């Protein structure tokens, strides 16, 4: 029973943190401040870092509109 409660609390906490993250991303998109995060230098660094990671490389290619 205690394991169920702990897992439930952990799962609820994870969803709440994910909700906060999505709210931050939504605010960045709505205000246009996202363009300061995804500048050319950051994009190039992200591409080189995620070149050999999977599935992150697929998600990066989709986000950047490459290799589709």
N, C-alpha and C. Protein backbone atom coordinates (compact mmCIF):
# COMPACT_ATOMS: atom_id res chain seq x y z
N UNK A 1 0.82 -1.20 0.00
CA UNK A 1 0.00 0.00 0.00
C UNK A 1 0.86 1.26 0.00
N UNK A 2 1.92 1.24 0.79
CA UNK A 2 2.77 2.43 0.87
C UNK A 2 3.52 2.66 -0.45
N UNK A 3 3.82 1.57 -1.16
CA UNK A 3 4.49 1.71 -2.46
C UNK A 3 3.54 2.39 -3.45
N UNK A 4 2.29 2.01 -3.41
CA UNK A 4 1.29 2.63 -4.29
C UNK A 4 1.18 4.13 -4.02
N UNK A 5 1.16 4.50 -2.76
CA UNK A 5 1.06 5.92 -2.39
C UNK A 5 2.30 6.68 -2.85
N UNK A 6 3.47 6.11 -2.63
CA UNK A 6 4.71 6.77 -3.04
C UNK A 6 4.79 6.92 -4.56
N UNK A 7 4.42 5.87 -5.28
CA UNK A 7 4.43 5.96 -6.74
C UNK A 7 3.40 6.97 -7.25
N UNK A 8 2.26 7.02 -6.59
CA UNK A 8 1.24 8.01 -6.97
C UNK A 8 1.74 9.43 -6.77
N UNK A 9 2.37 9.67 -5.61
CA UNK A 9 2.91 11.00 -5.33
C UNK A 9 4.00 11.34 -6.33
N UNK A 10 4.85 10.38 -6.65
CA UNK A 10 5.92 10.62 -7.62
C UNK A 10 5.34 10.94 -9.00
N UNK A 11 4.34 10.20 -9.41
CA UNK A 11 3.73 10.42 -10.71
C UNK A 11 3.02 11.78 -10.77
N UNK A 12 2.31 12.12 -9.73
CA UNK A 12 1.63 13.42 -9.68
C UNK A 12 2.65 14.55 -9.71
N UNK A 13 3.74 14.39 -8.98
CA UNK A 13 4.80 15.42 -8.98
C UNK A 13 5.41 15.57 -10.36
N UNK A 14 5.65 14.47 -11.04
CA UNK A 14 6.23 14.52 -12.38
C UNK A 14 5.29 15.26 -13.34
N UNK A 15 4.00 14.98 -13.26
CA UNK A 15 3.04 15.66 -14.14
C UNK A 15 2.95 17.14 -13.82
N UNK A 16 3.03 17.51 -12.55
CA UNK A 16 2.99 18.92 -12.18
C UNK A 16 4.22 19.67 -12.70
N UNK A 17 5.40 19.04 -12.58
CA UNK A 17 6.62 19.66 -13.10
C UNK A 17 6.56 19.79 -14.62
N UNK A 18 6.01 18.79 -15.27
CA UNK A 18 5.86 18.85 -16.73
C UNK A 18 4.91 19.97 -17.12
N UNK A 19 3.86 20.15 -16.34
CA UNK A 19 2.91 21.23 -16.59
C UNK A 19 3.58 22.59 -16.45
N UNK A 20 4.42 22.75 -15.46
CA UNK A 20 5.15 24.00 -15.27
C UNK A 20 6.07 24.24 -16.46
N UNK A 21 6.77 23.21 -16.90
CA UNK A 21 7.66 23.34 -18.05
C UNK A 21 6.88 23.76 -19.30
N UNK A 22 5.75 23.13 -19.53
CA UNK A 22 4.94 23.50 -20.69
C UNK A 22 4.41 24.92 -20.59
N UNK A 23 4.07 25.37 -19.40
CA UNK A 23 3.62 26.75 -19.23
C UNK A 23 4.73 27.74 -19.53
N UNK A 24 5.94 27.42 -19.15
CA UNK A 24 7.09 28.28 -19.45
C UNK A 24 7.31 28.35 -20.96
N UNK A 25 7.27 27.20 -21.63
CA UNK A 25 7.44 27.18 -23.08
C UNK A 25 6.32 27.96 -23.76
N UNK A 26 5.10 27.79 -23.27
CA UNK A 26 3.97 28.53 -23.85
C UNK A 26 4.17 30.03 -23.70
N UNK A 27 4.63 30.46 -22.55
CA UNK A 27 4.86 31.89 -22.33
C UNK A 27 5.97 32.41 -23.24
N UNK A 28 7.03 31.62 -23.41
CA UNK A 28 8.10 32.02 -24.32
C UNK A 28 7.60 32.16 -25.75
N UNK A 29 6.75 31.24 -26.15
CA UNK A 29 6.20 31.31 -27.51
C UNK A 29 5.26 32.49 -27.68
N UNK A 30 4.42 32.75 -26.69
CA UNK A 30 3.45 33.84 -26.80
C UNK A 30 4.11 35.21 -26.78
N UNK A 31 5.17 35.36 -26.01
CA UNK A 31 5.83 36.66 -25.92
C UNK A 31 6.89 36.88 -26.99
N UNK A 32 7.27 35.79 -27.68
CA UNK A 32 8.30 35.90 -28.70
C UNK A 32 9.72 35.83 -28.15
N UNK A 33 9.86 35.59 -26.86
CA UNK A 33 11.19 35.51 -26.26
C UNK A 33 11.92 34.23 -26.63
N UNK A 34 11.24 33.29 -27.24
CA UNK A 34 11.87 32.03 -27.61
C UNK A 34 12.96 32.25 -28.65
N UNK A 35 12.84 33.34 -29.42
CA UNK A 35 13.85 33.59 -30.46
C UNK A 35 15.21 33.92 -29.85
N UNK A 36 15.23 34.38 -28.60
CA UNK A 36 16.50 34.65 -27.95
C UNK A 36 17.16 33.38 -27.44
N UNK A 37 16.37 32.35 -27.24
CA UNK A 37 16.94 31.06 -26.79
C UNK A 37 17.45 30.27 -27.98
N UNK A 38 16.66 30.20 -29.04
CA UNK A 38 17.03 29.42 -30.20
C UNK A 38 17.72 30.29 -31.25
N UNK A 39 18.84 30.88 -30.86
CA UNK A 39 19.61 31.65 -31.82
C UNK A 39 20.50 30.69 -32.62
N UNK A 40 21.26 31.21 -33.55
CA UNK A 40 22.06 30.37 -34.44
C UNK A 40 23.12 29.58 -33.68
N UNK A 41 23.75 30.20 -32.71
CA UNK A 41 24.79 29.51 -31.93
C UNK A 41 24.21 28.33 -31.16
N UNK A 42 23.07 28.55 -30.51
CA UNK A 42 22.43 27.47 -29.75
C UNK A 42 21.98 26.34 -30.67
N UNK A 43 21.43 26.71 -31.81
CA UNK A 43 20.96 25.70 -32.76
C UNK A 43 22.12 24.86 -33.27
N UNK A 44 23.24 25.48 -33.60
CA UNK A 44 24.41 24.73 -34.05
C UNK A 44 24.95 23.82 -32.96
N UNK A 45 24.98 24.32 -31.73
CA UNK A 45 25.44 23.50 -30.61
C UNK A 45 24.50 22.32 -30.39
N UNK A 46 23.23 22.55 -30.48
CA UNK A 46 22.25 21.49 -30.31
C UNK A 46 22.39 20.44 -31.39
N UNK A 47 22.59 20.86 -32.61
CA UNK A 47 22.77 19.92 -33.71
C UNK A 47 24.00 19.05 -33.50
N UNK A 48 25.12 19.65 -33.12
CA UNK A 48 26.34 18.86 -32.95
C UNK A 48 26.23 17.92 -31.74
N UNK A 49 25.55 18.35 -30.68
CA UNK A 49 25.41 17.51 -29.49
C UNK A 49 24.49 16.33 -29.74
N UNK A 50 23.42 16.56 -30.49
CA UNK A 50 22.42 15.53 -30.68
C UNK A 50 22.60 14.73 -31.96
N UNK A 51 23.75 14.86 -32.58
CA UNK A 51 23.99 14.19 -33.85
C UNK A 51 23.89 12.68 -33.72
N UNK A 52 24.40 12.12 -32.63
CA UNK A 52 24.46 10.67 -32.49
C UNK A 52 23.54 10.14 -31.40
N UNK A 53 22.63 10.94 -30.90
CA UNK A 53 21.70 10.46 -29.89
C UNK A 53 20.38 10.15 -30.54
N UNK A 54 19.80 9.06 -30.12
CA UNK A 54 18.51 8.65 -30.69
C UNK A 54 17.55 8.42 -29.56
N UNK A 55 16.35 8.89 -29.55
CA UNK A 55 15.60 9.53 -30.64
C UNK A 55 15.75 11.04 -30.66
N UNK A 56 16.62 11.58 -29.82
CA UNK A 56 16.76 13.04 -29.78
C UNK A 56 17.19 13.60 -31.13
N UNK A 57 18.02 12.85 -31.88
CA UNK A 57 18.43 13.38 -33.19
C UNK A 57 17.25 13.46 -34.15
N UNK A 58 16.32 12.52 -34.05
CA UNK A 58 15.14 12.58 -34.90
C UNK A 58 14.26 13.77 -34.53
N UNK A 59 14.09 14.00 -33.24
CA UNK A 59 13.28 15.12 -32.79
C UNK A 59 13.92 16.45 -33.17
N UNK A 60 15.24 16.52 -33.09
CA UNK A 60 15.95 17.73 -33.48
C UNK A 60 15.78 18.00 -34.97
N UNK A 61 15.91 16.96 -35.77
CA UNK A 61 15.73 17.12 -37.22
C UNK A 61 14.33 17.60 -37.55
N UNK A 62 13.34 17.10 -36.84
CA UNK A 62 11.97 17.54 -37.07
C UNK A 62 11.81 19.00 -36.66
N UNK A 63 12.37 19.35 -35.49
CA UNK A 63 12.24 20.71 -34.99
C UNK A 63 12.95 21.72 -35.90
N UNK A 64 14.07 21.31 -36.48
CA UNK A 64 14.84 22.21 -37.34
C UNK A 64 14.41 22.11 -38.81
N UNK A 65 13.53 21.17 -39.12
CA UNK A 65 13.04 21.03 -40.48
C UNK A 65 14.06 20.45 -41.42
N UNK A 66 14.91 19.55 -40.93
CA UNK A 66 15.94 18.96 -41.75
C UNK A 66 15.72 17.45 -41.87
N UNK A 67 16.22 16.86 -42.96
CA UNK A 67 16.17 15.42 -43.18
C UNK A 67 14.76 14.86 -43.00
N UNK A 68 13.81 15.55 -43.55
CA UNK A 68 12.42 15.07 -43.40
C UNK A 68 11.98 14.33 -44.62
